[in-house]
Amino acid sequence: RRRGDLEQQLRMIIDELGKASAKAQGLPAPVTSATRMEANRHVLYILRIQAPPQNPFPLARTPKGAVIGFLKVGYKKLFLLVSVGGAG
């Protein structure tokens, strides 16, 4: 049961990070979610800090600390648009 609880918490954290990232980038919807992470081969690194009483991060003042960022890496197919006959 404990493992299921941890997995559910991690899914919630990933979904919230995706929402915050989309908002920060001005995107209409998140591109990172727990469901999408399960469906691809990307790796997600999560940065968590412990929260001492004098912690300068107001959102991190909890006994368990706080997630303050993430980095998602993986392979993607990228496309390059080349203008034919344009200046430059």
PDB file of N, CA and C in Angstrom:
ATOM      1  N   ARG A   1       0.824  -1.198   0.000  1.00  0.00           N
ATOM      2  CA  ARG A   1       0.000   0.000   0.000  1.00  0.00           C
ATOM      3  C   ARG A   1       0.863   1.255   0.000  1.00  0.00           C
ATOM      4  N   ARG A   2       1.940   1.262   0.724  1.00  0.00           N
ATOM      5  CA  ARG A   2       2.804   2.447   0.795  1.00  0.00           C
ATOM      6  C   ARG A   2       3.362   2.798  -0.576  1.00  0.00           C
ATOM      7  N   ARG A   3       3.752   1.788  -1.349  1.00  0.00           N
ATOM      8  CA  ARG A   3       4.299   2.053  -2.680  1.00  0.00           C
ATOM      9  C   ARG A   3       3.255   2.727  -3.564  1.00  0.00           C
ATOM     10  N   GLY A   4       2.029   2.281  -3.492  1.00  0.00           N
ATOM     11  CA  GLY A   4       0.953   2.894  -4.267  1.00  0.00           C
ATOM     12  C   GLY A   4       0.744   4.345  -3.884  1.00  0.00           C
ATOM     13  N   ASP A   5       0.844   4.639  -2.590  1.00  0.00           N
ATOM     14  CA  ASP A   5       0.703   6.021  -2.125  1.00  0.00           C
ATOM     15  C   ASP A   5       1.831   6.893  -2.669  1.00  0.00           C
ATOM     16  N   LEU A   6       3.047   6.365  -2.655  1.00  0.00           N
ATOM     17  CA  LEU A   6       4.192   7.116  -3.163  1.00  0.00           C
ATOM     18  C   LEU A   6       4.058   7.368  -4.663  1.00  0.00           C
ATOM     19  N   GLU A   7       3.607   6.363  -5.391  1.00  0.00           N
ATOM     20  CA  GLU A   7       3.418   6.525  -6.832  1.00  0.00           C
ATOM     21  C   GLU A   7       2.352   7.575  -7.120  1.00  0.00           C
ATOM     22  N   GLN A   8       1.279   7.574  -6.349  1.00  0.00           N
ATOM     23  CA  GLN A   8       0.216   8.558  -6.530  1.00  0.00           C
ATOM     24  C   GLN A   8       0.730   9.967  -6.220  1.00  0.00           C
ATOM     25  N   GLN A   9       1.530  10.108  -5.172  1.00  0.00           N
ATOM     26  CA  GLN A   9       2.107  11.411  -4.838  1.00  0.00           C
ATOM     27  C   GLN A   9       3.046  11.887  -5.941  1.00  0.00           C
ATOM     28  N   LEU A  10       3.858  10.980  -6.459  1.00  0.00           N
ATOM     29  CA  LEU A  10       4.791  11.345  -7.526  1.00  0.00           C
ATOM     30  C   LEU A  10       4.039  11.770  -8.785  1.00  0.00           C
ATOM     31  N   ARG A  11       2.973  11.052  -9.126  1.00  0.00           N
ATOM     32  CA  ARG A  11       2.152  11.424 -10.283  1.00  0.00           C
ATOM     33  C   ARG A  11       1.581  12.827 -10.097  1.00  0.00           C
ATOM     34  N   MET A  12       1.115  13.135  -8.902  1.00  0.00           N
ATOM     35  CA  MET A  12       0.548  14.454  -8.626  1.00  0.00           C
ATOM     36  C   MET A  12       1.623  15.532  -8.757  1.00  0.00           C
ATOM     37  N   ILE A  13       2.815  15.257  -8.241  1.00  0.00           N
ATOM     38  CA  ILE A  13       3.923  16.218  -8.322  1.00  0.00           C
ATOM     39  C   ILE A  13       4.289  16.477  -9.783  1.00  0.00           C
ATOM     40  N   ILE A  14       4.404  15.422 -10.571  1.00  0.00           N
ATOM     41  CA  ILE A  14       4.750  15.577 -11.988  1.00  0.00           C
ATOM     42  C   ILE A  14       3.681  16.388 -12.715  1.00  0.00           C
ATOM     43  N   ASP A  15       2.416  16.098 -12.454  1.00  0.00           N
ATOM     44  CA  ASP A  15       1.327  16.842 -13.097  1.00  0.00           C
ATOM     45  C   ASP A  15       1.356  18.314 -12.708  1.00  0.00           C
ATOM     46  N   GLU A  16       1.614  18.616 -11.437  1.00  0.00           N
ATOM     47  CA  GLU A  16       1.666  20.008 -10.981  1.00  0.00           C
ATOM     48  C   GLU A  16       2.875  20.741 -11.560  1.00  0.00           C
ATOM     49  N   LEU A  17       4.008  20.048 -11.654  1.00  0.00           N
ATOM     50  CA  LEU A  17       5.184  20.647 -12.284  1.00  0.00           C
ATOM     51  C   LEU A  17       4.901  20.965 -13.747  1.00  0.00           C
ATOM     52  N   GLY A  18       4.216  20.068 -14.434  1.00  0.00           N
ATOM     53  CA  GLY A  18       3.866  20.296 -15.833  1.00  0.00           C
ATOM     54  C   GLY A  18       2.959  21.506 -16.002  1.00  0.00           C
ATOM     55  N   LYS A  19       1.983  21.642 -15.108  1.00  0.00           N
ATOM     56  CA  LYS A  19       1.077  22.803 -15.169  1.00  0.00           C
ATOM     57  C   LYS A  19       1.834  24.105 -14.927  1.00  0.00           C
ATOM     58  N   ALA A  20       2.713  24.104 -13.921  1.00  0.00           N
ATOM     59  CA  ALA A  20       3.490  25.309 -13.609  1.00  0.00           C
ATOM     60  C   ALA A  20       4.434  25.656 -14.762  1.00  0.00           C
ATOM     61  N   SER A  21       5.019  24.653 -15.381  1.00  0.00           N
ATOM     62  CA  SER A  21       5.926  24.880 -16.501  1.00  0.00           C
ATOM     63  C   SER A  21       5.171  25.473 -17.689  1.00  0.00           C
ATOM     64  N   ALA A  22       3.999  24.930 -17.983  1.00  0.00           N
ATOM     65  CA  ALA A  22       3.196  25.451 -19.090  1.00  0.00           C
ATOM     66  C   ALA A  22       2.819  26.906 -18.836  1.00  0.00           C
ATOM     67  N   LYS A  23       2.445  27.210 -17.621  1.00  0.00           N
ATOM     68  CA  LYS A  23       2.071  28.582 -17.278  1.00  0.00           C
ATOM     69  C   LYS A  23       3.278  29.519 -17.441  1.00  0.00           C
ATOM     70  N   ALA A  24       4.441  29.092 -16.962  1.00  0.00           N
ATOM     71  CA  ALA A  24       5.648  29.919 -17.047  1.00  0.00           C
ATOM     72  C   ALA A  24       6.063  30.170 -18.495  1.00  0.00           C
ATOM     73  N   GLN A  25       5.783  29.216 -19.371  1.00  0.00           N
ATOM     74  CA  GLN A  25       6.155  29.349 -20.784  1.00  0.00           C
ATOM     75  C   GLN A  25       5.045  29.956 -21.641  1.00  0.00           C
ATOM     76  N   GLY A  26       3.908  30.233 -21.025  1.00  0.00           N
ATOM     77  CA  GLY A  26       2.790  30.795 -21.772  1.00  0.00           C
ATOM     78  C   GLY A  26       2.143  29.795 -22.714  1.00  0.00           C
ATOM     79  N   LEU A  27       2.227  28.520 -22.395  1.00  0.00           N
ATOM     80  CA  LEU A  27       1.632  27.482 -23.235  1.00  0.00           C
ATOM     81  C   LEU A  27       0.164  27.276 -22.857  1.00  0.00           C
ATOM     82  N   PRO A  28      -0.669  26.896 -23.817  1.00  0.00           N
ATOM     83  CA  PRO A  28      -2.084  26.697 -23.507  1.00  0.00           C
ATOM     84  C   PRO A  28      -2.366  25.450 -22.665  1.00  0.00           C
ATOM     85  N   ALA A  29      -1.454  24.484 -22.703  1.00  0.00           N
ATOM     86  CA  ALA A  29      -1.650  23.242 -21.954  1.00  0.00           C
ATOM     87  C   ALA A  29      -0.292  22.653 -21.585  1.00  0.00           C
ATOM     88  N   PRO A  30      -0.248  21.867 -20.515  1.00  0.00           N
ATOM     89  CA  PRO A  30       1.016  21.240 -20.117  1.00  0.00           C
ATOM     90  C   PRO A  30       1.521  20.245 -21.162  1.00  0.00           C
ATOM     91  N   VAL A  31       2.840  20.174 -21.313  1.00  0.00           N
ATOM     92  CA  VAL A  31       3.444  19.166 -22.181  1.00  0.00           C
ATOM     93  C   VAL A  31       4.087  18.055 -21.349  1.00  0.00           C
ATOM     94  N   THR A  32       4.133  18.251 -20.051  1.00  0.00           N
ATOM     95  CA  THR A  32       4.665  17.238 -19.138  1.00  0.00           C
ATOM     96  C   THR A  32       3.548  16.793 -18.210  1.00  0.00           C
ATOM     97  N   SER A  33       3.340  15.495 -18.137  1.00  0.00           N
ATOM     98  CA  SER A  33       2.367  14.915 -17.219  1.00  0.00           C
ATOM     99  C   SER A  33       2.812  13.499 -16.888  1.00  0.00           C
ATOM    100  N   ALA A  34       2.278  12.957 -15.815  1.00  0.00           N
ATOM    101  CA  ALA A  34       2.637  11.592 -15.424  1.00  0.00           C
ATOM    102  C   ALA A  34       2.222  10.599 -16.506  1.00  0.00           C
ATOM    103  N   THR A  35       1.067  10.810 -17.095  1.00  0.00           N
ATOM    104  CA  THR A  35       0.586   9.912 -18.141  1.00  0.00           C
ATOM    105  C   THR A  35       1.509   9.939 -19.349  1.00  0.00           C
ATOM    106  N   ARG A  36       1.931  11.134 -19.756  1.00  0.00           N
ATOM    107  CA  ARG A  36       2.845  11.239 -20.898  1.00  0.00           C
ATOM    108  C   ARG A  36       4.208  10.643 -20.569  1.00  0.00           C
ATOM    109  N   MET A  37       4.650  10.798 -19.345  1.00  0.00           N
ATOM    110  CA  MET A  37       5.951  10.239 -18.956  1.00  0.00           C
ATOM    111  C   MET A  37       5.923   8.713 -19.051  1.00  0.00           C
ATOM    112  N   GLU A  38       4.802   8.107 -18.742  1.00  0.00           N
ATOM    113  CA  GLU A  38       4.682   6.648 -18.829  1.00  0.00           C
ATOM    114  C   GLU A  38       4.679   6.163 -20.280  1.00  0.00           C
ATOM    115  N   ALA A  39       4.216   7.032 -21.183  1.00  0.00           N
ATOM    116  CA  ALA A  39       4.057   6.637 -22.579  1.00  0.00           C
ATOM    117  C   ALA A  39       5.295   6.881 -23.441  1.00  0.00           C
ATOM    118  N   ASN A  40       6.333   7.503 -22.884  1.00  0.00           N
ATOM    119  CA  ASN A  40       7.523   7.763 -23.693  1.00  0.00           C
ATOM    120  C   ASN A  40       8.782   7.349 -22.938  1.00  0.00           C
ATOM    121  N   ARG A  41       9.912   7.550 -23.570  1.00  0.00           N
ATOM    122  CA  ARG A  41      11.180   7.117 -22.975  1.00  0.00           C
ATOM    123  C   ARG A  41      11.966   8.281 -22.397  1.00  0.00           C
ATOM    124  N   HIS A  42      11.303   9.329 -21.996  1.00  0.00           N
ATOM    125  CA  HIS A  42      11.987  10.465 -21.402  1.00  0.00           C
ATOM    126  C   HIS A  42      12.368  10.157 -19.960  1.00  0.00           C
ATOM    127  N   VAL A  43      13.326  10.903 -19.468  1.00  0.00           N
ATOM    128  CA  VAL A  43      13.752  10.787 -18.077  1.00  0.00           C
ATOM    129  C   VAL A  43      13.483  12.124 -17.407  1.00  0.00           C
ATOM    130  N   LEU A  44      12.939  12.086 -16.214  1.00  0.00           N
ATOM    131  CA  LEU A  44      12.613  13.306 -15.490  1.00  0.00           C
ATOM    132  C   LEU A  44      13.473  13.377 -14.227  1.00  0.00           C
ATOM    133  N   TYR A  45      14.253  14.451 -14.122  1.00  0.00           N
ATOM    134  CA  TYR A  45      15.052  14.703 -12.933  1.00  0.00           C
ATOM    135  C   TYR A  45      14.317  15.767 -12.119  1.00  0.00           C
ATOM    136  N   ILE A  46      14.101  15.489 -10.845  1.00  0.00           N
ATOM    137  CA  ILE A  46      13.362  16.415  -9.985  1.00  0.00           C
ATOM    138  C   ILE A  46      14.300  16.948  -8.907  1.00  0.00           C
ATOM    139  N   LEU A  47      14.292  18.271  -8.728  1.00  0.00           N
ATOM    140  CA  LEU A  47      15.113  18.918  -7.698  1.00  0.00           C
ATOM    141  C   LEU A  47      14.238  19.222  -6.485  1.00  0.00           C
ATOM    142  N   ARG A  48      14.608  18.646  -5.366  1.00  0.00           N
ATOM    143  CA  ARG A  48      13.874  18.851  -4.126  1.00  0.00           C
ATOM    144  C   ARG A  48      14.821  19.400  -3.084  1.00  0.00           C
ATOM    145  N   ILE A  49      14.341  20.362  -2.315  1.00  0.00           N
ATOM    146  CA  ILE A  49      15.158  20.907  -1.234  1.00  0.00           C
ATOM    147  C   ILE A  49      14.508  20.587   0.094  1.00  0.00           C
ATOM    148  N   GLN A  50      15.345  20.417   1.098  1.00  0.00           N
ATOM    149  CA  GLN A  50      14.828  20.279   2.453  1.00  0.00           C
ATOM    150  C   GLN A  50      14.545  21.673   2.972  1.00  0.00           C
ATOM    151  N   ALA A  51      13.626  21.786   3.876  1.00  0.00           N
ATOM    152  CA  ALA A  51      13.169  23.105   4.301  1.00  0.00           C
ATOM    153  C   ALA A  51      13.498  23.395   5.769  1.00  0.00           C
ATOM    154  N   PRO A  52      14.674  23.960   6.025  1.00  0.00           N
ATOM    155  CA  PRO A  52      14.962  24.389   7.387  1.00  0.00           C
ATOM    156  C   PRO A  52      14.085  25.592   7.747  1.00  0.00           C
ATOM    157  N   PRO A  53      13.908  25.916   9.019  1.00  0.00           N
ATOM    158  CA  PRO A  53      13.036  27.026   9.419  1.00  0.00           C
ATOM    159  C   PRO A  53      13.397  28.365   8.770  1.00  0.00           C
ATOM    160  N   GLN A  54      14.675  28.614   8.498  1.00  0.00           N
ATOM    161  CA  GLN A  54      15.091  29.890   7.918  1.00  0.00           C
ATOM    162  C   GLN A  54      15.135  29.849   6.394  1.00  0.00           C
ATOM    163  N   ASN A  55      14.528  28.857   5.790  1.00  0.00           N
ATOM    164  CA  ASN A  55      14.550  28.689   4.345  1.00  0.00           C
ATOM    165  C   ASN A  55      14.008  29.933   3.638  1.00  0.00           C
ATOM    166  N   PRO A  56      14.744  30.477   2.663  1.00  0.00           N
ATOM    167  CA  PRO A  56      14.285  31.671   1.949  1.00  0.00           C
ATOM    168  C   PRO A  56      13.153  31.403   0.960  1.00  0.00           C
ATOM    169  N   PHE A  57      12.865  30.137   0.658  1.00  0.00           N
ATOM    170  CA  PHE A  57      11.799  29.793  -0.271  1.00  0.00           C
ATOM    171  C   PHE A  57      10.493  29.625   0.503  1.00  0.00           C
ATOM    172  N   PRO A  58       9.564  30.571   0.408  1.00  0.00           N
ATOM    173  CA  PRO A  58       8.345  30.494   1.208  1.00  0.00           C
ATOM    174  C   PRO A  58       7.511  29.247   0.942  1.00  0.00           C
ATOM    175  N   LEU A  59       7.523  28.735  -0.289  1.00  0.00           N
ATOM    176  CA  LEU A  59       6.722  27.555  -0.581  1.00  0.00           C
ATOM    177  C   LEU A  59       7.368  26.280  -0.045  1.00  0.00           C
ATOM    178  N   ALA A  60       8.610  26.376   0.382  1.00  0.00           N
ATOM    179  CA  ALA A  60       9.339  25.191   0.838  1.00  0.00           C
ATOM    180  C   ALA A  60       9.344  25.051   2.349  1.00  0.00           C
ATOM    181  N   ARG A  61       8.546  25.805   3.033  1.00  0.00           N
ATOM    182  CA  ARG A  61       8.523  25.730   4.492  1.00  0.00           C
ATOM    183  C   ARG A  61       7.578  24.637   4.980  1.00  0.00           C
ATOM    184  N   THR A  62       7.926  23.423   4.649  1.00  0.00           N
ATOM    185  CA  THR A  62       7.175  22.265   5.115  1.00  0.00           C
ATOM    186  C   THR A  62       8.178  21.275   5.679  1.00  0.00           C
ATOM    187  N   PRO A  63       7.742  20.387   6.555  1.00  0.00           N
ATOM    188  CA  PRO A  63       8.686  19.420   7.134  1.00  0.00           C
ATOM    189  C   PRO A  63       9.335  18.509   6.102  1.00  0.00           C
ATOM    190  N   LYS A  64       8.657  18.247   4.998  1.00  0.00           N
ATOM    191  CA  LYS A  64       9.185  17.325   3.989  1.00  0.00           C
ATOM    192  C   LYS A  64       9.994  18.015   2.906  1.00  0.00           C
ATOM    193  N   GLY A  65      10.056  19.328   2.913  1.00  0.00           N
ATOM    194  CA  GLY A  65      10.780  20.047   1.871  1.00  0.00           C
ATOM    195  C   GLY A  65       9.864  20.388   0.719  1.00  0.00           C
ATOM    196  N   ALA A  66      10.455  20.705  -0.431  1.00  0.00           N
ATOM    197  CA  ALA A  66       9.647  21.104  -1.580  1.00  0.00           C
ATOM    198  C   ALA A  66      10.375  20.815  -2.875  1.00  0.00           C
ATOM    199  N   VAL A  67       9.611  20.539  -3.897  1.00  0.00           N
ATOM    200  CA  VAL A  67      10.147  20.401  -5.242  1.00  0.00           C
ATOM    201  C   VAL A  67      10.251  21.803  -5.816  1.00  0.00           C
ATOM    202  N   ILE A  68      11.445  22.164  -6.299  1.00  0.00           N
ATOM    203  CA  ILE A  68      11.620  23.521  -6.828  1.00  0.00           C
ATOM    204  C   ILE A  68      11.938  23.546  -8.321  1.00  0.00           C
ATOM    205  N   GLY A  69      12.050  22.380  -8.939  1.00  0.00           N
ATOM    206  CA  GLY A  69      12.304  22.385 -10.367  1.00  0.00           C
ATOM    207  C   GLY A  69      12.442  20.986 -10.929  1.00  0.00           C
ATOM    208  N   PHE A  70      12.481  20.928 -12.256  1.00  0.00           N
ATOM    209  CA  PHE A  70      12.685  19.637 -12.914  1.00  0.00           C
ATOM    210  C   PHE A  70      13.342  19.829 -14.271  1.00  0.00           C
ATOM    211  N   LEU A  71      13.922  18.761 -14.762  1.00  0.00           N
ATOM    212  CA  LEU A  71      14.541  18.738 -16.081  1.00  0.00           C
ATOM    213  C   LEU A  71      14.097  17.446 -16.760  1.00  0.00           C
ATOM    214  N   LYS A  72      13.492  17.587 -17.925  1.00  0.00           N
ATOM    215  CA  LYS A  72      13.042  16.421 -18.679  1.00  0.00           C
ATOM    216  C   LYS A  72      13.953  16.273 -19.881  1.00  0.00           C
ATOM    217  N   VAL A  73      14.492  15.075 -20.072  1.00  0.00           N
ATOM    218  CA  VAL A  73      15.376  14.819 -21.210  1.00  0.00           C
ATOM    219  C   VAL A  73      14.876  13.592 -21.969  1.00  0.00           C
ATOM    220  N   GLY A  74      15.179  13.561 -23.257  1.00  0.00           N
ATOM    221  CA  GLY A  74      14.790  12.426 -24.076  1.00  0.00           C
ATOM    222  C   GLY A  74      14.981  12.738 -25.542  1.00  0.00           C
ATOM    223  N   TYR A  75      14.573  11.810 -26.378  1.00  0.00           N
ATOM    224  CA  TYR A  75      14.713  11.956 -27.822  1.00  0.00           C
ATOM    225  C   TYR A  75      13.421  12.502 -28.407  1.00  0.00           C
ATOM    226  N   LYS A  76      13.566  13.406 -29.374  1.00  0.00           N
ATOM    227  CA  LYS A  76      12.416  13.964 -30.079  1.00  0.00           C
ATOM    228  C   LYS A  76      12.768  14.102 -31.551  1.00  0.00           C
ATOM    229  N   LYS A  77      11.762  13.984 -32.392  1.00  0.00           N
ATOM    230  CA  LYS A  77      11.944  14.257 -33.813  1.00  0.00           C
ATOM    231  C   LYS A  77      11.749  15.751 -33.995  1.00  0.00           C
ATOM    232  N   LEU A  78      12.772  16.419 -34.462  1.00  0.00           N
ATOM    233  CA  LEU A  78      12.701  17.855 -34.690  1.00  0.00           C
ATOM    234  C   LEU A  78      12.674  18.118 -36.184  1.00  0.00           C
ATOM    235  N   PHE A  79      11.997  19.181 -36.570  1.00  0.00           N
ATOM    236  CA  PHE A  79      11.878  19.534 -37.974  1.00  0.00           C
ATOM    237  C   PHE A  79      12.465  20.913 -38.203  1.00  0.00           C
ATOM    238  N   LEU A  80      13.059  21.092 -39.354  1.00  0.00           N
ATOM    239  CA  LEU A  80      13.649  22.367 -39.729  1.00  0.00           C
ATOM    240  C   LEU A  80      12.933  22.883 -40.964  1.00  0.00           C
ATOM    241  N   LEU A  81      12.371  24.066 -40.879  1.00  0.00           N
ATOM    242  CA  LEU A  81      11.670  24.671 -41.998  1.00  0.00           C
ATOM    243  C   LEU A  81      12.646  25.568 -42.748  1.00  0.00           C
ATOM    244  N   VAL A  82      12.840  25.300 -44.022  1.00  0.00           N
ATOM    245  CA  VAL A  82      13.755  26.084 -44.844  1.00  0.00           C
ATOM    246  C   VAL A  82      12.932  26.814 -45.892  1.00  0.00           C
ATOM    247  N   SER A  83      13.088  28.124 -45.935  1.00  0.00           N
ATOM    248  CA  SER A  83      12.396  28.944 -46.904  1.00  0.00           C
ATOM    249  C   SER A  83      13.184  28.946 -48.224  1.00  0.00           C
ATOM    250  N   VAL A  84      12.525  28.580 -49.299  1.00  0.00           N
ATOM    251  CA  VAL A  84      13.172  28.548 -50.616  1.00  0.00           C
ATOM    252  C   VAL A  84      12.889  29.861 -51.337  1.00  0.00           C
ATOM    253  N   GLY A  85      13.941  30.497 -51.844  1.00  0.00           N
ATOM    254  CA  GLY A  85      13.789  31.738 -52.588  1.00  0.00           C
ATOM    255  C   GLY A  85      13.659  32.978 -51.724  1.00  0.00           C
ATOM    256  N   GLY A  86      13.842  32.818 -50.432  1.00  0.00           N
ATOM    257  CA  GLY A  86      13.745  33.985 -49.541  1.00  0.00           C
ATOM    258  C   GLY A  86      15.056  34.730 -49.455  1.00  0.00           C
ATOM    259  N   ALA A  87      15.020  35.901 -48.884  1.00  0.00           N
ATOM    260  CA  ALA A  87      16.252  36.693 -48.704  1.00  0.00           C
ATOM    261  C   ALA A  87      17.074  36.097 -47.575  1.00  0.00           C
ATOM    262  N   GLY A  88      18.364  36.234 -47.685  1.00  0.00           N
ATOM    263  CA  GLY A  88      19.202  35.859 -46.580  1.00  0.00           C
ATOM    264  C   GLY A  88      20.083  34.755 -46.862  1.00  0.00           C
TER     265      GLY A  88
END
